[in-house]
Amino acid sequence: MSIASMVLGIISIVMYPIGLILGALGIIFWKTARDELNIDRTASGAGFATAGLVCGIVGASISAIFWIVVLIAVASH
């Protein structure tokens, strides 16, 4: 789950038109990974999970800004 969170977070930054969805999924996978890591203290991947959270937030933010600019451009034309 940690790696899935990180991958979705990174992809949300690169593919910003669908970054809101991918970023949200990255954050959901982060929460699941953190819950699993809290249960099994010997498991590794906390760094990947944190990277997924940060990248998911950044990707979702970039995507939101992108869509706001698109909507403003369409409305002003």
Foldseek 3Di string as FASTA:
>chain_A
DLQQLLVLLQVLQVPLLCLLVSLVVSLVVLVVVVVVCVVPVVDDRPVSSVNSNVSSVVSNVSSVVVVVVVVVVVVVD
